[in-house]
Amino acid sequence: MSCNGLIWARYSMVITPKNWNLFSVSSALACTCVYQISRKIRNDYFSEDGQATLSSLKA
């Protein structure tokens, strides 16, 4: 989804006339997806004290 948002954001700036509404929505989509992915990675690979768990790194 984040790649999709970046592609559409880029496309909205290439076309004539520039579509600022599409750019803002696509940029927000990309930012939200990156944020959600970072939350998932932090939850999956790091314990409560911030140290990487050995069992999650082996999988």
PDB file of N, CA and C in Angstrom:
ATOM      1  N   MET A   1       0.816  -1.199   0.000  1.00  0.00           N
ATOM      2  CA  MET A   1       0.000   0.000   0.000  1.00  0.00           C
ATOM      3  C   MET A   1       0.856   1.258   0.000  1.00  0.00           C
ATOM      4  N   SER A   2       1.962   1.214   0.727  1.00  0.00           N
ATOM      5  CA  SER A   2       2.790   2.426   0.776  1.00  0.00           C
ATOM      6  C   SER A   2       3.410   2.702  -0.586  1.00  0.00           C
ATOM      7  N   CYS A   3       3.807   1.646  -1.295  1.00  0.00           N
ATOM      8  CA  CYS A   3       4.350   1.845  -2.648  1.00  0.00           C
ATOM      9  C   CYS A   3       3.283   2.399  -3.581  1.00  0.00           C
ATOM     10  N   ASN A   4       2.066   1.909  -3.428  1.00  0.00           N
ATOM     11  CA  ASN A   4       0.952   2.400  -4.231  1.00  0.00           C
ATOM     12  C   ASN A   4       0.735   3.897  -3.985  1.00  0.00           C
ATOM     13  N   GLY A   5       0.793   4.300  -2.715  1.00  0.00           N
ATOM     14  CA  GLY A   5       0.638   5.711  -2.386  1.00  0.00           C
ATOM     15  C   GLY A   5       1.741   6.567  -2.982  1.00  0.00           C
ATOM     16  N   LEU A   6       2.974   6.060  -2.936  1.00  0.00           N
ATOM     17  CA  LEU A   6       4.091   6.814  -3.516  1.00  0.00           C
ATOM     18  C   LEU A   6       3.987   6.917  -5.032  1.00  0.00           C
ATOM     19  N   ILE A   7       3.554   5.842  -5.672  1.00  0.00           N
ATOM     20  CA  ILE A   7       3.400   5.863  -7.136  1.00  0.00           C
ATOM     21  C   ILE A   7       2.348   6.878  -7.547  1.00  0.00           C
ATOM     22  N   TRP A   8       1.192   6.874  -6.861  1.00  0.00           N
ATOM     23  CA  TRP A   8       0.133   7.818  -7.217  1.00  0.00           C
ATOM     24  C   TRP A   8       0.503   9.255  -6.864  1.00  0.00           C
ATOM     25  N   ALA A   9       1.272   9.431  -5.788  1.00  0.00           N
ATOM     26  CA  ALA A   9       1.721  10.783  -5.446  1.00  0.00           C
ATOM     27  C   ALA A   9       2.636  11.314  -6.535  1.00  0.00           C
ATOM     28  N   ARG A  10       3.540  10.468  -7.013  1.00  0.00           N
ATOM     29  CA  ARG A  10       4.441  10.874  -8.098  1.00  0.00           C
ATOM     30  C   ARG A  10       3.655  11.173  -9.374  1.00  0.00           C
ATOM     31  N   TYR A  11       2.702  10.297  -9.695  1.00  0.00           N
ATOM     32  CA  TYR A  11       1.898  10.488 -10.894  1.00  0.00           C
ATOM     33  C   TYR A  11       1.108  11.796 -10.837  1.00  0.00           C
ATOM     34  N   SER A  12       0.598  12.145  -9.661  1.00  0.00           N
ATOM     35  CA  SER A  12      -0.217  13.356  -9.547  1.00  0.00           C
ATOM     36  C   SER A  12       0.599  14.619  -9.792  1.00  0.00           C
ATOM     37  N   MET A  13       1.921  14.549  -9.637  1.00  0.00           N
ATOM     38  CA  MET A  13       2.775  15.706  -9.894  1.00  0.00           C
ATOM     39  C   MET A  13       3.285  15.736 -11.334  1.00  0.00           C
ATOM     40  N   VAL A  14       3.205  14.607 -12.037  1.00  0.00           N
ATOM     41  CA  VAL A  14       3.699  14.532 -13.411  1.00  0.00           C
ATOM     42  C   VAL A  14       2.634  15.008 -14.402  1.00  0.00           C
ATOM     43  N   ILE A  15       1.380  14.686 -14.130  1.00  0.00           N
ATOM     44  CA  ILE A  15       0.312  15.018 -15.072  1.00  0.00           C
ATOM     45  C   ILE A  15       0.064  16.526 -15.092  1.00  0.00           C
ATOM     46  N   THR A  16      -0.569  16.980 -16.157  1.00  0.00           N
ATOM     47  CA  THR A  16      -0.940  18.387 -16.279  1.00  0.00           C
ATOM     48  C   THR A  16      -2.456  18.455 -16.368  1.00  0.00           C
ATOM     49  N   PRO A  17      -3.127  19.223 -15.556  1.00  0.00           N
ATOM     50  CA  PRO A  17      -2.668  20.039 -14.439  1.00  0.00           C
ATOM     51  C   PRO A  17      -2.345  19.167 -13.223  1.00  0.00           C
ATOM     52  N   LYS A  18      -1.514  19.686 -12.359  1.00  0.00           N
ATOM     53  CA  LYS A  18      -1.133  18.946 -11.156  1.00  0.00           C
ATOM     54  C   LYS A  18      -2.370  18.738 -10.275  1.00  0.00           C
ATOM     55  N   ASN A  19      -2.502  17.529  -9.771  1.00  0.00           N
ATOM     56  CA  ASN A  19      -3.647  17.169  -8.938  1.00  0.00           C
ATOM     57  C   ASN A  19      -3.199  17.144  -7.479  1.00  0.00           C
ATOM     58  N   TRP A  20      -3.371  18.263  -6.795  1.00  0.00           N
ATOM     59  CA  TRP A  20      -2.891  18.401  -5.419  1.00  0.00           C
ATOM     60  C   TRP A  20      -3.704  17.574  -4.439  1.00  0.00           C
ATOM     61  N   ASN A  21      -4.988  17.371  -4.730  1.00  0.00           N
ATOM     62  CA  ASN A  21      -5.807  16.536  -3.850  1.00  0.00           C
ATOM     63  C   ASN A  21      -5.324  15.086  -3.875  1.00  0.00           C
ATOM     64  N   LEU A  22      -5.061  14.552  -5.053  1.00  0.00           N
ATOM     65  CA  LEU A  22      -4.550  13.192  -5.180  1.00  0.00           C
ATOM     66  C   LEU A  22      -3.180  13.075  -4.521  1.00  0.00           C
ATOM     67  N   PHE A  23      -2.344  14.095  -4.673  1.00  0.00           N
ATOM     68  CA  PHE A  23      -1.025  14.085  -4.055  1.00  0.00           C
ATOM     69  C   PHE A  23      -1.120  14.028  -2.535  1.00  0.00           C
ATOM     70  N   SER A  24      -1.980  14.845  -1.957  1.00  0.00           N
ATOM     71  CA  SER A  24      -2.074  14.877  -0.486  1.00  0.00           C
ATOM     72  C   SER A  24      -2.640  13.578   0.069  1.00  0.00           C
ATOM     73  N   VAL A  25      -3.649  13.020  -0.577  1.00  0.00           N
ATOM     74  CA  VAL A  25      -4.237  11.767  -0.104  1.00  0.00           C
ATOM     75  C   VAL A  25      -3.245  10.617  -0.267  1.00  0.00           C
ATOM     76  N   SER A  26      -2.554  10.557  -1.385  1.00  0.00           N
ATOM     77  CA  SER A  26      -1.588   9.485  -1.619  1.00  0.00           C
ATOM     78  C   SER A  26      -0.396   9.596  -0.678  1.00  0.00           C
ATOM     79  N   SER A  27       0.045  10.794  -0.399  1.00  0.00           N
ATOM     80  CA  SER A  27       1.143  10.980   0.547  1.00  0.00           C
ATOM     81  C   SER A  27       0.727  10.572   1.949  1.00  0.00           C
ATOM     82  N   ALA A  28      -0.483  10.922   2.337  1.00  0.00           N
ATOM     83  CA  ALA A  28      -0.984  10.519   3.653  1.00  0.00           C
ATOM     84  C   ALA A  28      -1.105   8.999   3.737  1.00  0.00           C
ATOM     85  N   LEU A  29      -1.550   8.358   2.672  1.00  0.00           N
ATOM     86  CA  LEU A  29      -1.643   6.903   2.635  1.00  0.00           C
ATOM     87  C   LEU A  29      -0.273   6.270   2.811  1.00  0.00           C
ATOM     88  N   ALA A  30       0.725   6.769   2.096  1.00  0.00           N
ATOM     89  CA  ALA A  30       2.077   6.226   2.185  1.00  0.00           C
ATOM     90  C   ALA A  30       2.647   6.413   3.593  1.00  0.00           C
ATOM     91  N   CYS A  31       2.465   7.580   4.166  1.00  0.00           N
ATOM     92  CA  CYS A  31       2.979   7.842   5.522  1.00  0.00           C
ATOM     93  C   CYS A  31       2.301   6.953   6.558  1.00  0.00           C
ATOM     94  N   THR A  32       1.001   6.778   6.428  1.00  0.00           N
ATOM     95  CA  THR A  32       0.268   5.933   7.363  1.00  0.00           C
ATOM     96  C   THR A  32       0.721   4.482   7.263  1.00  0.00           C
ATOM     97  N   CYS A  33       0.930   4.000   6.056  1.00  0.00           N
ATOM     98  CA  CYS A  33       1.370   2.617   5.869  1.00  0.00           C
ATOM     99  C   CYS A  33       2.772   2.401   6.428  1.00  0.00           C
ATOM    100  N   VAL A  34       3.671   3.349   6.209  1.00  0.00           N
ATOM    101  CA  VAL A  34       5.019   3.231   6.763  1.00  0.00           C
ATOM    102  C   VAL A  34       4.966   3.227   8.281  1.00  0.00           C
ATOM    103  N   TYR A  35       4.131   4.056   8.864  1.00  0.00           N
ATOM    104  CA  TYR A  35       3.976   4.090  10.315  1.00  0.00           C
ATOM    105  C   TYR A  35       3.453   2.755  10.849  1.00  0.00           C
ATOM    106  N   GLN A  36       2.445   2.195  10.185  1.00  0.00           N
ATOM    107  CA  GLN A  36       1.881   0.925  10.628  1.00  0.00           C
ATOM    108  C   GLN A  36       2.891  -0.216  10.489  1.00  0.00           C
ATOM    109  N   ILE A  37       3.675  -0.218   9.423  1.00  0.00           N
ATOM    110  CA  ILE A  37       4.697  -1.248   9.242  1.00  0.00           C
ATOM    111  C   ILE A  37       5.754  -1.135  10.331  1.00  0.00           C
ATOM    112  N   SER A  38       6.143   0.085  10.674  1.00  0.00           N
ATOM    113  CA  SER A  38       7.141   0.260  11.733  1.00  0.00           C
ATOM    114  C   SER A  38       6.590  -0.209  13.080  1.00  0.00           C
ATOM    115  N   ARG A  39       5.311   0.008  13.344  1.00  0.00           N
ATOM    116  CA  ARG A  39       4.704  -0.483  14.579  1.00  0.00           C
ATOM    117  C   ARG A  39       4.723  -2.007  14.630  1.00  0.00           C
ATOM    118  N   LYS A  40       4.413  -2.644  13.505  1.00  0.00           N
ATOM    119  CA  LYS A  40       4.414  -4.104  13.451  1.00  0.00           C
ATOM    120  C   LYS A  40       5.817  -4.655  13.665  1.00  0.00           C
ATOM    121  N   ILE A  41       6.805  -4.064  13.047  1.00  0.00           N
ATOM    122  CA  ILE A  41       8.181  -4.532  13.207  1.00  0.00           C
ATOM    123  C   ILE A  41       8.629  -4.378  14.652  1.00  0.00           C
ATOM    124  N   ARG A  42       8.331  -3.222  15.249  1.00  0.00           N
ATOM    125  CA  ARG A  42       8.697  -3.030  16.656  1.00  0.00           C
ATOM    126  C   ARG A  42       8.010  -4.050  17.559  1.00  0.00           C
ATOM    127  N   ASN A  43       6.765  -4.354  17.292  1.00  0.00           N
ATOM    128  CA  ASN A  43       6.025  -5.303  18.110  1.00  0.00           C
ATOM    129  C   ASN A  43       6.522  -6.728  17.901  1.00  0.00           C
ATOM    130  N   ASP A  44       6.844  -7.105  16.673  1.00  0.00           N
ATOM    131  CA  ASP A  44       7.254  -8.469  16.375  1.00  0.00           C
ATOM    132  C   ASP A  44       8.678  -8.781  16.824  1.00  0.00           C
ATOM    133  N   TYR A  45       9.581  -7.830  16.727  1.00  0.00           N
ATOM    134  CA  TYR A  45      10.989  -8.134  16.925  1.00  0.00           C
ATOM    135  C   TYR A  45      11.609  -7.564  18.189  1.00  0.00           C
ATOM    136  N   PHE A  46      10.899  -6.760  18.918  1.00  0.00           N
ATOM    137  CA  PHE A  46      11.476  -6.169  20.117  1.00  0.00           C
ATOM    138  C   PHE A  46      10.578  -6.444  21.316  1.00  0.00           C
ATOM    139  N   SER A  47      11.212  -6.768  22.421  1.00  0.00           N
ATOM    140  CA  SER A  47      10.449  -7.009  23.645  1.00  0.00           C
ATOM    141  C   SER A  47      10.151  -5.680  24.330  1.00  0.00           C
ATOM    142  N   GLU A  48       9.547  -5.741  25.509  1.00  0.00           N
ATOM    143  CA  GLU A  48       9.133  -4.526  26.210  1.00  0.00           C
ATOM    144  C   GLU A  48      10.306  -3.647  26.618  1.00  0.00           C
ATOM    145  N   ASP A  49      11.461  -4.246  26.894  1.00  0.00           N
ATOM    146  CA  ASP A  49      12.597  -3.448  27.328  1.00  0.00           C
ATOM    147  C   ASP A  49      13.426  -2.894  26.165  1.00  0.00           C
ATOM    148  N   GLY A  50      13.015  -3.159  24.941  1.00  0.00           N
ATOM    149  CA  GLY A  50      13.677  -2.585  23.780  1.00  0.00           C
ATOM    150  C   GLY A  50      14.788  -3.445  23.213  1.00  0.00           C
ATOM    151  N   GLN A  51      15.054  -4.604  23.802  1.00  0.00           N
ATOM    152  CA  GLN A  51      16.098  -5.493  23.313  1.00  0.00           C
ATOM    153  C   GLN A  51      15.475  -6.488  22.301  1.00  0.00           C
ATOM    154  N   ALA A  52      16.226  -6.773  21.273  1.00  0.00           N
ATOM    155  CA  ALA A  52      15.757  -7.738  20.290  1.00  0.00           C
ATOM    156  C   ALA A  52      15.717  -9.118  20.927  1.00  0.00           C
ATOM    157  N   THR A  53      14.628  -9.830  20.706  1.00  0.00           N
ATOM    158  CA  THR A  53      14.524 -11.168  21.272  1.00  0.00           C
ATOM    159  C   THR A  53      15.220 -12.159  20.369  1.00  0.00           C
ATOM    160  N   LEU A  54      15.922 -13.087  20.944  1.00  0.00           N
ATOM    161  CA  LEU A  54      16.700 -14.046  20.182  1.00  0.00           C
ATOM    162  C   LEU A  54      15.807 -14.973  19.384  1.00  0.00           C
ATOM    163  N   SER A  55      14.690 -15.393  19.943  1.00  0.00           N
ATOM    164  CA  SER A  55      13.816 -16.320  19.243  1.00  0.00           C
ATOM    165  C   SER A  55      13.185 -15.671  18.003  1.00  0.00           C
ATOM    166  N   SER A  56      12.897 -14.391  18.046  1.00  0.00           N
ATOM    167  CA  SER A  56      12.294 -13.734  16.880  1.00  0.00           C
ATOM    168  C   SER A  56      13.323 -13.514  15.791  1.00  0.00           C
ATOM    169  N   LEU A  57      14.578 -13.396  16.128  1.00  0.00           N
ATOM    170  CA  LEU A  57      15.612 -13.212  15.112  1.00  0.00           C
ATOM    171  C   LEU A  57      15.958 -14.515  14.414  1.00  0.00           C
ATOM    172  N   LYS A  58      15.762 -15.649  15.072  1.00  0.00           N
ATOM    173  CA  LYS A  58      16.051 -16.950  14.467  1.00  0.00           C
ATOM    174  C   LYS A  58      14.987 -17.351  13.459  1.00  0.00           C
ATOM    175  N   ALA A  59      13.766 -16.887  13.634  1.00  0.00           N
ATOM    176  CA  ALA A  59      12.653 -17.305  12.769  1.00  0.00           C
ATOM    177  C   ALA A  59      12.734 -16.709  11.404  1.00  0.00           C
TER     178      ALA A  59
END
